[in-house]
């Protein structure tokens, strides 16, 4: 109580019987030469592993189950997105993820869907353009081919050659 260092009394306390014990601590009573008593509370922490083992085992199993559920919750949508990317890369332009998640994985899935829509639209426009160009080139080439054939078989070669030049210019 006075703040004096009395740690030397701990070494002199011995193993006295009959001293009160309380929850891993015991009280050592020491009488000083001047007739005063010193009460020293000595803590002796004891841990019973056998009693705590079921609790810790249950705690570890619960944490493992929660971690497994969290890992599955993260891995399942990522695997689904990876399969969609693989299918899209293999040429299936209709594949979409259609994720309803509100987290970053859902945002990446929606970005993939927007990208797939844009690429699909661009490829459709490119095909349409190639078809239109092909049609526009086929018609004049067919007329030129026909004019060349007429030039070869025409009785008046000069007028046929003039017609062929006119078609070429056109």
Protein backbone atom coordinates (compact mmCIF):
# COMPACT_ATOMS: atom_id res chain seq x y z
CA UNK A 1 0.00 0.00 0.00
CA UNK A 2 2.92 2.33 0.71
CA UNK A 3 4.65 1.66 -2.62
CA UNK A 4 7.69 0.04 -1.03
CA UNK A 5 9.44 -2.70 -2.99
CA UNK A 6 8.70 -5.90 -1.12
CA UNK A 7 9.64 -8.37 -3.83
CA UNK A 8 12.32 -9.87 -1.52
CA UNK A 9 9.53 -11.19 0.64
CA UNK A 10 8.34 -13.44 -2.19
CA UNK A 11 11.57 -15.43 -2.09
CA UNK A 12 11.26 -15.88 1.68
CA UNK A 13 7.61 -16.90 1.69
CA UNK A 14 8.19 -20.67 1.35
CA UNK A 15 5.35 -23.14 0.89
CA UNK A 16 3.19 -22.51 3.87
CA UNK A 17 0.15 -24.70 4.35
CA UNK A 18 -3.17 -23.35 5.34
CA UNK A 19 -2.83 -20.12 3.39
CA UNK A 20 -5.96 -18.99 1.60
CA UNK A 21 -6.13 -19.60 -2.17
CA UNK A 22 -8.39 -17.83 -4.64
CA UNK A 23 -8.63 -18.54 -8.41
CA UNK A 24 -4.96 -19.14 -9.13
CA UNK A 25 -3.68 -16.72 -6.49
CA UNK A 26 -2.77 -17.15 -2.86
CA UNK A 27 -2.22 -14.82 0.01
CA UNK A 28 1.08 -15.03 1.84
CA UNK A 29 1.19 -13.52 5.31
CA UNK A 30 4.60 -12.39 6.48
CA UNK A 31 5.36 -11.03 9.92
CA UNK A 32 8.03 -8.39 10.15
CA UNK A 33 10.48 -8.14 13.10
CA UNK A 34 8.67 -5.10 14.42
CA UNK A 35 5.43 -7.11 14.78
CA UNK A 36 3.62 -5.85 11.73
CA UNK A 37 2.05 -8.14 9.17
CA UNK A 38 2.54 -7.94 5.43
CA UNK A 39 -0.03 -9.55 3.17
CA UNK A 40 1.29 -10.50 -0.23
CA UNK A 41 -1.01 -11.65 -3.03
CA UNK A 42 0.88 -14.12 -5.23
CA UNK A 43 -0.69 -14.89 -8.62
CA UNK A 44 -0.06 -18.31 -10.00
CA UNK A 45 -1.92 -18.42 -13.29
CA UNK A 46 -2.96 -21.87 -14.32
CA UNK A 47 -4.47 -22.69 -17.70
CA UNK A 48 -6.37 -25.92 -18.11
CA UNK A 49 -5.92 -26.91 -21.74
CA UNK A 50 -8.23 -29.90 -21.41
CA UNK A 51 -11.14 -27.69 -20.42
CA UNK A 52 -10.51 -25.17 -23.20
CA UNK A 53 -9.87 -27.69 -25.97
CA UNK A 54 -13.55 -28.23 -26.94
CA UNK A 55 -14.13 -24.47 -26.99
CA UNK A 56 -11.09 -23.78 -29.16
CA UNK A 57 -11.90 -26.70 -31.46
CA UNK A 58 -15.43 -25.38 -31.95
CA UNK A 59 -14.06 -21.91 -32.58
CA UNK A 60 -11.58 -23.16 -35.21
CA UNK A 61 -14.23 -25.27 -36.96
CA UNK A 62 -16.64 -22.30 -37.04
CA UNK A 63 -13.97 -20.01 -38.47
CA UNK A 64 -13.05 -22.63 -41.09
CA UNK A 65 -16.71 -22.97 -42.16
CA UNK A 66 -17.14 -19.19 -42.40
CA UNK A 67 -13.91 -18.82 -44.40
CA UNK A 68 -15.01 -21.61 -46.75
CA UNK A 69 -18.39 -19.94 -47.30
CA UNK A 70 -16.69 -16.61 -47.98
CA UNK A 71 -14.26 -18.22 -50.45
CA UNK A 72 -17.12 -19.94 -52.27
CA UNK A 73 -19.07 -16.68 -52.39
CA UNK A 74 -16.10 -15.00 -54.08
CA UNK A 75 -14.93 -17.85 -56.31
CA UNK A 76 -18.29 -18.97 -57.79
CA UNK A 77 -19.07 -15.72 -59.65
CA UNK A 78 -15.46 -15.39 -60.78
CA UNK A 79 -15.56 -18.90 -62.27
CA UNK A 80 -18.86 -18.06 -63.99
CA UNK A 81 -17.32 -14.88 -65.44
CA UNK A 82 -14.24 -16.81 -66.62
CA UNK A 83 -16.45 -19.37 -68.41
CA UNK A 84 -18.37 -16.56 -70.11
CA UNK A 85 -15.12 -14.91 -71.24
CA UNK A 86 -13.86 -18.24 -72.62
CA UNK A 87 -17.11 -18.84 -74.54
CA UNK A 88 -17.08 -15.28 -75.89
CA UNK A 89 -13.46 -15.67 -76.97
CA UNK A 90 -14.36 -18.94 -78.73
CA UNK A 91 -16.91 -17.08 -80.86
CA UNK A 92 -20.20 -17.32 -78.94
CA UNK A 93 -21.09 -13.63 -79.14
CA UNK A 94 -24.47 -14.12 -77.45
CA UNK A 95 -23.04 -15.12 -74.05
CA UNK A 96 -23.70 -12.70 -71.17
CA UNK A 97 -23.09 -12.99 -67.42
CA UNK A 98 -26.19 -11.03 -66.24
CA UNK A 99 -24.91 -10.65 -62.68
CA UNK A 100 -27.18 -9.11 -60.03
CA UNK A 101 -24.38 -8.68 -57.46
CA UNK A 102 -23.85 -5.21 -55.97
CA UNK A 103 -20.10 -5.56 -55.36
CA UNK A 104 -16.97 -5.23 -57.49
CA UNK A 105 -17.43 -8.68 -59.01
CA UNK A 106 -20.90 -7.66 -60.18
CA UNK A 107 -19.48 -4.44 -61.62
CA UNK A 108 -16.85 -6.38 -63.59
CA UNK A 109 -19.57 -8.75 -64.85
CA UNK A 110 -21.74 -5.83 -65.99
CA UNK A 111 -18.71 -4.24 -67.70
CA UNK A 112 -18.14 -7.52 -69.55
CA UNK A 113 -21.79 -7.56 -70.66
CA UNK A 114 -21.53 -3.97 -71.95
CA UNK A 115 -18.29 -4.80 -73.77
CA UNK A 116 -19.85 -7.92 -75.32
CA UNK A 117 -22.85 -5.87 -76.50
CA UNK A 118 -20.59 -3.26 -78.12
CA UNK A 119 -18.41 -5.87 -79.82
CA UNK A 120 -21.47 -7.75 -81.06
CA UNK A 121 -22.94 -4.51 -82.46
CA UNK A 122 -19.65 -3.60 -84.15
CA UNK A 123 -19.28 -7.04 -85.73
CA UNK A 124 -22.87 -6.93 -86.99
CA UNK A 125 -22.24 -3.48 -88.52
CA UNK A 126 -19.02 -4.72 -90.10
CA UNK A 127 -20.79 -7.72 -91.67
CA UNK A 128 -23.55 -5.46 -93.00
CA UNK A 129 -20.96 -3.08 -94.46
CA UNK A 130 -19.10 -5.94 -96.16
CA UNK A 131 -22.37 -7.27 -97.61
CA UNK A 132 -23.26 -3.82 -98.93
CA UNK A 133 -19.81 -3.30 -100.44
CA UNK A 134 -19.91 -6.75 -101.97
CA UNK A 135 -23.31 -6.04 -103.52
CA UNK A 136 -22.20 -2.64 -104.80
CA UNK A 137 -19.11 -4.15 -106.44
CA UNK A 138 -20.89 -7.18 -107.86
CA UNK A 139 -23.40 -5.20 -109.95
CA UNK A 140 -20.85 -3.07 -111.93
CA UNK A 141 -18.53 -6.03 -112.35
CA UNK A 142 -21.39 -8.11 -113.74
CA UNK A 143 -22.20 -5.29 -116.21
CA UNK A 144 -18.52 -5.08 -117.25
CA UNK A 145 -18.34 -8.82 -117.70
CA UNK A 146 -21.48 -8.73 -119.83
CA UNK A 147 -20.13 -5.82 -121.92
CA UNK A 148 -16.83 -7.65 -122.45
CA UNK A 149 -18.72 -10.73 -123.61
CA UNK A 150 -20.79 -8.57 -126.01
CA UNK A 151 -17.61 -6.98 -127.33
CA UNK A 152 -16.19 -10.38 -128.11
CA UNK A 153 -19.28 -11.58 -129.95
CA UNK A 154 -20.61 -8.30 -131.42
CA UNK A 155 -20.61 -7.81 -135.23
CA UNK A 156 -19.78 -4.09 -134.82
CA UNK A 157 -16.63 -4.20 -132.70
CA UNK A 158 -16.09 -0.44 -132.56
CA UNK A 159 -19.50 0.32 -131.06
CA UNK A 160 -19.07 -2.62 -128.65
CA UNK A 161 -15.65 -1.31 -127.52
CA UNK A 162 -17.17 2.16 -127.07
CA UNK A 163 -19.95 0.65 -124.97
CA UNK A 164 -17.35 -1.27 -122.91
CA UNK A 165 -15.37 1.95 -122.28
CA UNK A 166 -18.60 3.68 -121.25
CA UNK A 167 -19.33 0.90 -118.71
CA UNK A 168 -15.75 1.03 -117.40
CA UNK A 169 -16.02 4.79 -116.94
CA UNK A 170 -19.36 4.37 -115.19
